[in-house]
Amino acid sequence: MSTEDKPVSIQGAVCPMPLRHYDTIVMGHGSGGRMTQDLIKQCFAPYLSNPALDAGNDFATLSTVVNGPISVSTDAHIVSPLIFPGGDIGRLAVCGTVNDVAMSGAVPLGLTASFILEEGLSTQTLVEIVKSMAVSALEAGVPIVAGDTKVVERGKADGLFISTAGFGHFPKPFIIGGAEAKPGDVVLISGTLGDHGIAVLTARGDLAFETQVESDVAPLNLMIQQILEASPNVHVLRDPTRGGLATTLNEIAEQSQVNITIDEKAIPVKPAVQTACEMLGFDPLYVANEGKLIVIVPETEADAALSAMHANVYGKDACRIGRVIESPAGRVLLKTQIGATRVLDVMAGEMLPRIC
């Protein structure tokens, strides 16, 4: 396991070889002693540095003054493989929590991150993932202000688990949530569906063919701010992650006790994703997404919201896909391409394990 103690170039950055004399994580890196200090100084600090984190405490003291309510979200992230086309578990962790806070209408202010490392994890892989987190946090404009690291025995963590928490404030009062959809509202989606799930499946080698699909994992908070400036009376913001669009819309319909009817012809799906789903017997409406956004908005503000989405790189393929009506309450209906209407139920079981 020994390596030469020399600089290594990682995606354009030069840093000391992580953890002198070790190219994989060992139990001693979780001891709290010198090896843990080396882990923090060489794998985390060069990339996640900011005043709150650099203070080296078991807490973060922030100078931000918040008047009024705050939005808080927490999440755990597991995915296999750790690195996949278009992203990795680090980008997934940052974007997932940033997005969850932003869905409330709040502006995310900071994140915390907890890492559970498995004995035997490549330190090179760890550095690449931490750097990806730093790049994603910088893109979102949301710093990682506190963190923790633990090491578990080989075979007990699938390489790496990351738990994150995020918090934000409301610059303006919004009433946004799954229970706020109203009859007459329009349903918008920010782009193509199923990209993340199919990209992860491809990376695991579970497909008998190659695809060029990349994960859509992305921070959506800046686009959400643009939407709220253009359309301040948005009723629902939600990212269709596990369970896909169909399951997420069912959750909203149940919370609001309304009917949501969507048009199959209007739903954007990349040809490569559609082909993969057809070959595997999947429905892209149930495949996970990590960089897409459902917006439910009054008809009078739908065009403004759509224009705001189109102005952002992550919303360039946004479109209308349906409407909210009164009944049958708590149900989602799909108008099929042949003109029929069928019930679109929640996903039963788990289609793709370890994808978010």
Protein backbone atom coordinates (compact mmCIF):
# COMPACT_ATOMS: atom_id res chain seq x y z
CA MET A 1 0.00 0.00 0.00
CA SER A 2 2.99 2.29 0.14
CA THR A 3 3.44 5.05 -2.40
CA GLU A 4 6.08 7.63 -3.10
CA ASP A 5 5.50 10.93 -1.30
CA LYS A 6 5.23 13.18 -4.35
CA PRO A 7 2.74 15.66 -5.86
CA VAL A 8 -0.06 14.26 -7.97
CA SER A 9 -2.12 16.16 -10.55
CA ILE A 10 -5.86 15.61 -10.13
CA GLN A 11 -8.14 17.17 -12.74
CA GLY A 12 -5.86 20.16 -13.14
CA ALA A 13 -5.03 20.66 -9.45
CA VAL A 14 -1.79 19.67 -7.78
CA CYS A 15 -1.92 18.42 -4.20
CA PRO A 16 0.30 16.27 -1.97
CA MET A 17 -0.22 12.55 -2.31
CA PRO A 18 -3.21 11.94 0.00
CA LEU A 19 -2.38 10.33 3.34
CA ARG A 20 1.35 9.78 3.33
CA HIS A 21 2.27 6.16 2.51
CA TYR A 22 -1.35 5.06 1.96
CA ASP A 23 -3.22 4.86 -1.32
CA THR A 24 -6.37 3.48 0.33
CA ILE A 25 -8.30 4.31 3.48
CA VAL A 26 -7.42 2.23 6.57
CA MET A 27 -9.13 2.04 9.95
CA GLY A 28 -6.52 4.34 11.48
CA HIS A 29 -7.82 7.22 9.38
CA GLY A 30 -10.92 7.23 11.58
CA SER A 31 -9.02 7.15 14.87
CA GLY A 32 -9.22 10.87 15.58
CA GLY A 33 -5.42 11.09 15.81
CA ARG A 34 -2.63 12.10 13.43
CA MET A 35 -3.89 9.93 10.58
CA THR A 36 -7.31 11.60 10.81
CA GLN A 37 -5.60 14.98 10.76
CA ASP A 38 -3.71 13.96 7.63
CA LEU A 39 -6.99 12.84 6.05
CA ILE A 40 -8.60 16.21 6.71
CA LYS A 41 -5.58 18.33 5.75
CA GLN A 42 -4.73 16.49 2.54
CA CYS A 43 -8.07 15.22 1.19
CA PHE A 44 -10.64 17.76 2.38
CA ALA A 45 -9.10 21.09 3.37
CA PRO A 46 -7.43 21.96 0.01
CA TYR A 47 -10.80 21.91 -1.75
CA LEU A 48 -13.48 22.83 0.79
CA SER A 49 -11.63 25.70 2.47
CA ASN A 50 -13.72 28.63 3.76
CA PRO A 51 -13.54 30.70 6.97
CA ALA A 52 -16.19 28.71 8.84
CA LEU A 53 -14.63 25.35 7.96
CA ASP A 54 -11.04 26.51 8.39
CA ALA A 55 -11.71 27.46 12.03
CA GLY A 56 -11.38 23.74 12.80
CA ASN A 57 -14.20 23.54 15.34
CA ASP A 58 -16.96 20.97 15.76
CA PHE A 59 -19.42 23.69 14.77
CA ALA A 60 -19.66 26.56 12.32
CA THR A 61 -20.16 30.17 13.37
CA LEU A 62 -21.67 32.18 10.52
CA SER A 63 -21.87 35.95 10.21
CA THR A 64 -25.10 35.81 8.17
CA VAL A 65 -28.03 37.52 9.88
CA VAL A 66 -31.38 35.86 9.17
CA ASN A 67 -34.64 37.51 10.14
CA GLY A 68 -37.69 35.30 9.90
CA PRO A 69 -38.13 31.62 9.11
CA ILE A 70 -35.42 29.38 7.71
CA SER A 71 -35.62 26.31 5.48
CA VAL A 72 -33.74 23.17 6.54
CA SER A 73 -33.24 19.85 4.74
CA THR A 74 -31.15 16.73 5.36
CA ASP A 75 -30.33 13.82 3.09
CA ALA A 76 -28.23 10.66 2.82
CA HIS A 77 -26.56 9.72 -0.45
CA ILE A 78 -25.63 6.27 -1.71
CA VAL A 79 -24.87 5.36 -5.29
CA SER A 80 -23.07 2.58 -7.12
CA PRO A 81 -20.70 3.23 -8.80
CA LEU A 82 -19.39 6.25 -6.91
CA ILE A 83 -18.46 7.96 -10.19
CA PHE A 84 -20.79 7.78 -13.19
CA PRO A 85 -21.25 9.61 -16.52
CA GLY A 86 -22.03 13.24 -15.77
CA GLY A 87 -21.44 13.13 -12.03
CA ASP A 88 -20.44 11.34 -8.85
CA ILE A 89 -21.64 10.88 -5.29
CA GLY A 90 -20.07 14.18 -4.23
CA ARG A 91 -21.89 16.29 -6.82
CA LEU A 92 -25.03 14.29 -6.05
CA ALA A 93 -24.77 15.12 -2.34
CA VAL A 94 -24.25 18.85 -2.82
CA CYS A 95 -26.85 19.33 -5.55
CA GLY A 96 -29.46 17.14 -3.88
CA THR A 97 -29.48 19.12 -0.65
CA VAL A 98 -29.13 22.53 -2.31
CA ASN A 99 -32.14 21.65 -4.46
CA ASP A 100 -34.23 20.41 -1.55
CA VAL A 101 -33.75 23.70 0.32
CA ALA A 102 -34.41 25.76 -2.81
CA MET A 103 -37.71 23.93 -3.50
CA SER A 104 -39.21 25.80 -0.54
CA GLY A 105 -38.47 29.14 -2.19
CA ALA A 106 -35.57 29.77 0.18
CA VAL A 107 -32.08 30.88 -0.85
CA PRO A 108 -29.61 28.21 0.37
CA LEU A 109 -26.91 29.63 2.66
CA GLY A 110 -24.75 26.67 3.65
CA LEU A 111 -24.30 22.92 3.84
CA THR A 112 -22.84 20.43 6.29
CA ALA A 113 -21.46 17.08 5.15
CA SER A 114 -20.74 13.80 6.93
CA PHE A 115 -18.57 11.16 5.26
CA ILE A 116 -18.60 7.45 6.09
CA LEU A 117 -15.54 5.94 4.41
CA GLU A 118 -15.07 2.21 3.91
CA GLU A 119 -11.69 0.69 4.68
CA GLY A 120 -10.00 0.11 1.32
CA LEU A 121 -11.50 3.12 -0.48
CA SER A 122 -8.96 4.65 -2.87
CA THR A 123 -7.70 7.97 -1.54
CA GLN A 124 -7.38 9.16 -5.13
CA THR A 125 -11.09 8.48 -5.62
CA LEU A 126 -11.88 10.30 -2.39
CA VAL A 127 -9.95 13.39 -3.52
CA GLU A 128 -11.72 13.42 -6.89
CA ILE A 129 -15.12 13.24 -5.16
CA VAL A 130 -14.26 15.97 -2.64
CA LYS A 131 -13.04 18.20 -5.44
CA SER A 132 -16.29 17.57 -7.31
CA MET A 133 -18.20 18.64 -4.20
CA ALA A 134 -16.17 21.84 -4.06
CA VAL A 135 -16.85 22.63 -7.72
CA SER A 136 -20.58 21.94 -7.28
CA ALA A 137 -20.79 24.06 -4.13
CA LEU A 138 -19.01 26.91 -5.93
CA GLU A 139 -21.42 26.65 -8.87
CA ALA A 140 -24.39 26.79 -6.51
CA GLY A 141 -22.84 29.57 -4.44
CA VAL A 142 -23.44 27.55 -1.27
CA PRO A 143 -20.40 26.75 0.94
CA ILE A 144 -19.85 23.57 2.95
CA VAL A 145 -19.41 25.08 6.42
CA ALA A 146 -19.03 22.02 8.68
CA GLY A 147 -18.25 18.34 8.29
CA ASP A 148 -17.35 15.04 9.90
CA THR A 149 -15.61 11.84 8.81
CA LYS A 150 -15.82 8.27 10.07
CA VAL A 151 -14.20 5.03 8.83
CA VAL A 152 -15.90 1.63 8.95
CA GLU A 153 -14.57 -1.86 8.32
CA ARG A 154 -14.20 -3.23 4.82
CA GLY A 155 -17.54 -4.38 3.41
CA LYS A 156 -19.74 -2.15 5.57
CA ALA A 157 -20.15 1.04 3.53
CA ASP A 158 -20.08 0.24 -0.20
CA GLY A 159 -17.07 2.52 -0.59
CA LEU A 160 -18.46 5.84 0.58
CA PHE A 161 -21.70 7.22 2.04
CA ILE A 162 -22.30 10.98 2.34
CA SER A 163 -24.95 12.65 4.49
CA THR A 164 -25.64 16.34 4.04
CA ALA A 165 -27.80 19.00 5.65
CA GLY A 166 -28.61 22.40 4.21
CA PHE A 167 -30.27 25.58 5.39
CA GLY A 168 -31.52 28.75 3.76
CA HIS A 169 -33.51 31.92 4.31
CA PHE A 170 -36.51 33.51 2.61
CA PRO A 171 -35.78 36.89 1.02
CA LYS A 172 -39.52 37.17 0.36
CA PRO A 173 -42.45 35.29 1.92
CA PHE A 174 -43.57 32.38 -0.24
CA ILE A 175 -46.26 29.77 0.27
CA ILE A 176 -44.82 26.88 -1.72
CA GLY A 177 -45.36 23.18 -1.06
CA GLY A 178 -46.91 19.94 -2.18
CA ALA A 179 -50.27 20.89 -0.65
CA GLU A 180 -50.55 24.14 -2.64
CA ALA A 181 -51.51 22.91 -6.14
CA LYS A 182 -54.81 24.49 -7.26
CA PRO A 183 -57.32 23.59 -10.01
CA GLY A 184 -56.46 25.60 -13.11
CA ASP A 185 -52.71 25.48 -12.48
CA VAL A 186 -50.27 24.51 -15.23
CA VAL A 187 -47.62 21.80 -14.77
CA LEU A 188 -44.15 22.52 -16.18
CA ILE A 189 -41.04 20.32 -16.33
CA SER A 190 -37.55 21.76 -16.74
CA GLY A 191 -36.17 19.15 -19.15
CA THR A 192 -35.80 15.56 -20.30
CA LEU A 193 -36.65 12.71 -17.96
CA GLY A 194 -34.76 9.58 -16.90
CA ASP A 195 -31.21 10.73 -17.68
CA HIS A 196 -29.78 10.08 -14.21
CA GLY A 197 -31.20 6.60 -13.74
CA ILE A 198 -30.09 5.35 -17.15
CA ALA A 199 -26.61 6.93 -16.77
CA VAL A 200 -26.07 5.11 -13.46
CA LEU A 201 -27.38 1.86 -14.88
CA THR A 202 -24.97 2.19 -17.79
CA ALA A 203 -22.03 2.89 -15.48
CA ARG A 204 -22.76 -0.24 -13.48
CA GLY A 205 -22.50 -2.31 -16.66
CA ASP A 206 -26.07 -3.56 -16.31
CA LEU A 207 -26.95 -2.70 -19.91
CA ALA A 208 -26.07 -5.06 -22.74
CA PHE A 209 -25.33 -2.04 -24.95
CA GLU A 210 -23.57 1.32 -24.69
CA THR A 211 -25.36 4.68 -24.35
CA GLN A 212 -24.12 8.26 -24.42
CA VAL A 213 -26.51 9.33 -21.66
CA GLU A 214 -25.07 11.43 -18.84
CA SER A 215 -26.63 12.13 -15.46
CA ASP A 216 -28.55 15.39 -15.19
CA VAL A 217 -27.33 16.05 -11.63
CA ALA A 218 -27.15 19.83 -11.17
CA PRO A 219 -27.79 22.65 -8.67
CA LEU A 220 -31.14 24.26 -9.49
CA ASN A 221 -31.22 27.04 -6.90
CA LEU A 222 -30.23 29.85 -9.26
CA MET A 223 -32.86 28.83 -11.80
CA ILE A 224 -35.47 28.66 -9.04
CA GLN A 225 -34.62 32.21 -8.00
CA GLN A 226 -35.12 33.31 -11.61
CA ILE A 227 -38.48 31.53 -11.74
CA LEU A 228 -39.68 33.17 -8.52
CA GLU A 229 -38.67 36.61 -9.73
CA ALA A 230 -40.69 36.10 -12.92
CA SER A 231 -43.55 34.20 -11.32
CA PRO A 232 -43.91 35.08 -7.61
CA ASN A 233 -47.11 33.07 -7.13
CA VAL A 234 -45.66 29.62 -7.89
CA HIS A 235 -47.59 27.00 -5.92
CA VAL A 236 -45.31 23.92 -6.09
CA LEU A 237 -41.63 23.31 -6.75
CA ARG A 238 -40.43 19.71 -6.59
CA ASP A 239 -37.56 17.68 -8.04
CA PRO A 240 -38.65 14.26 -9.35
CA THR A 241 -35.85 12.13 -7.89
CA ARG A 242 -36.52 8.58 -6.65
CA GLY A 243 -39.70 7.24 -8.23
CA GLY A 244 -39.44 9.72 -11.09
CA LEU A 245 -42.08 12.12 -12.42
CA ALA A 246 -45.03 9.77 -11.93
CA THR A 247 -44.42 9.09 -8.24
CA THR A 248 -43.64 12.74 -7.47
CA LEU A 249 -46.84 13.97 -9.14
CA ASN A 250 -48.82 11.40 -7.17
CA GLU A 251 -47.35 12.76 -3.95
CA ILE A 252 -48.40 16.29 -4.92
CA ALA A 253 -51.89 15.20 -6.01
CA GLU A 254 -52.39 13.42 -2.68
CA GLN A 255 -51.07 16.35 -0.63
CA SER A 256 -53.22 18.91 -2.49
CA GLN A 257 -56.22 16.62 -3.01
CA VAL A 258 -56.43 17.55 -6.68
CA ASN A 259 -56.16 15.72 -9.96
CA ILE A 260 -53.08 16.18 -12.14
CA THR A 261 -53.48 15.22 -15.78
CA ILE A 262 -50.40 15.14 -18.02
CA ASP A 263 -49.97 14.69 -21.76
CA GLU A 264 -47.65 11.87 -22.83
CA LYS A 265 -46.87 13.62 -26.13
CA ALA A 266 -45.58 16.68 -24.30
CA ILE A 267 -43.18 14.86 -21.96
CA PRO A 268 -39.53 15.23 -23.11
CA VAL A 269 -37.42 12.06 -23.14
CA LYS A 270 -34.10 11.66 -24.96
CA PRO A 271 -34.15 8.99 -27.69
CA ALA A 272 -31.29 7.08 -26.01
CA VAL A 273 -33.18 7.01 -22.71
CA GLN A 274 -36.39 5.94 -24.43
CA THR A 275 -34.56 3.14 -26.24
CA ALA A 276 -32.88 1.89 -23.07
CA CYS A 277 -36.21 1.92 -21.21
CA GLU A 278 -37.97 0.00 -23.98
CA MET A 279 -35.27 -2.67 -24.06
CA LEU A 280 -35.31 -3.07 -20.26
CA GLY A 281 -39.07 -2.81 -19.79
CA PHE A 282 -38.82 0.47 -17.85
CA ASP A 283 -41.14 3.47 -18.03
CA PRO A 284 -39.11 6.72 -18.15
CA LEU A 285 -41.83 8.39 -16.07
CA TYR A 286 -40.62 6.31 -13.11
CA VAL A 287 -36.85 6.63 -13.68
CA ALA A 288 -34.93 8.91 -11.28
CA ASN A 289 -33.77 12.43 -12.13
CA GLU A 290 -31.30 14.59 -10.17
CA GLY A 291 -31.33 17.87 -12.09
CA LYS A 292 -34.94 18.36 -13.14
CA LEU A 293 -37.68 20.50 -11.66
CA ILE A 294 -41.48 20.32 -11.59
CA VAL A 295 -43.14 23.74 -11.43
CA ILE A 296 -46.89 24.05 -10.76
CA VAL A 297 -48.00 27.60 -11.33
CA PRO A 298 -51.19 29.59 -12.04
CA GLU A 299 -52.08 29.80 -15.72
CA THR A 300 -51.54 33.58 -15.67
CA GLU A 301 -47.87 33.15 -14.73
CA ALA A 302 -47.05 29.99 -16.68
CA ASP A 303 -45.46 31.72 -19.67
CA ALA A 304 -43.32 33.93 -17.44
CA ALA A 305 -42.11 30.92 -15.45
CA LEU A 306 -41.35 29.01 -18.66
CA SER A 307 -39.36 31.93 -20.09
CA ALA A 308 -37.32 32.14 -16.90
CA MET A 309 -36.54 28.43 -17.12
CA HIS A 310 -35.51 28.71 -20.78
CA ALA A 311 -33.06 31.47 -19.83
CA ASN A 312 -31.12 29.07 -17.60
CA VAL A 313 -28.84 26.33 -18.95
CA TYR A 314 -30.63 23.74 -16.80
CA GLY A 315 -34.05 24.74 -18.12
CA LYS A 316 -33.43 25.12 -21.85
CA ASP A 317 -35.70 22.13 -22.63
CA ALA A 318 -38.49 23.18 -20.26
CA CYS A 319 -42.07 22.71 -21.43
CA ARG A 320 -45.71 22.41 -20.37
CA ILE A 321 -46.80 18.86 -19.69
CA GLY A 322 -50.17 19.08 -17.98
CA ARG A 323 -52.81 20.76 -15.85
CA VAL A 324 -54.33 20.57 -12.40
CA ILE A 325 -58.09 19.94 -12.16
CA GLU A 326 -60.48 19.19 -9.30
CA SER A 327 -61.26 15.50 -9.70
CA PRO A 328 -60.72 12.66 -9.31
CA ALA A 329 -58.88 14.08 -6.31
CA GLY A 330 -55.56 12.56 -5.29
CA ARG A 331 -54.96 10.89 -8.66
CA VAL A 332 -52.65 11.40 -11.63
CA LEU A 333 -53.91 10.66 -15.13
CA LEU A 334 -51.92 10.26 -18.34
CA LYS A 335 -53.32 11.15 -21.75
CA THR A 336 -51.56 8.60 -23.95
CA GLN A 337 -50.24 9.16 -27.44
CA ILE A 338 -53.14 7.16 -28.90
CA GLY A 339 -55.71 9.38 -27.20
CA ALA A 340 -56.66 7.15 -24.30
CA THR A 341 -56.46 8.12 -20.62
CA ARG A 342 -55.02 5.87 -17.93
CA VAL A 343 -54.19 6.12 -14.25
CA LEU A 344 -50.53 6.88 -13.52
CA ASP A 345 -49.88 5.32 -10.12
CA VAL A 346 -46.93 5.46 -7.74
CA MET A 347 -43.97 3.20 -8.44
CA ALA A 348 -44.25 -0.23 -6.85
CA GLY A 349 -40.95 -1.51 -5.44
CA GLU A 350 -37.51 -0.31 -6.49
CA MET A 351 -36.60 -0.04 -10.16
CA LEU A 352 -32.96 1.00 -9.88
CA PRO A 353 -31.06 0.46 -6.60
CA ARG A 354 -28.47 2.87 -5.26
CA ILE A 355 -29.04 5.78 -7.63
CA CYS A 356 -29.28 8.77 -5.29
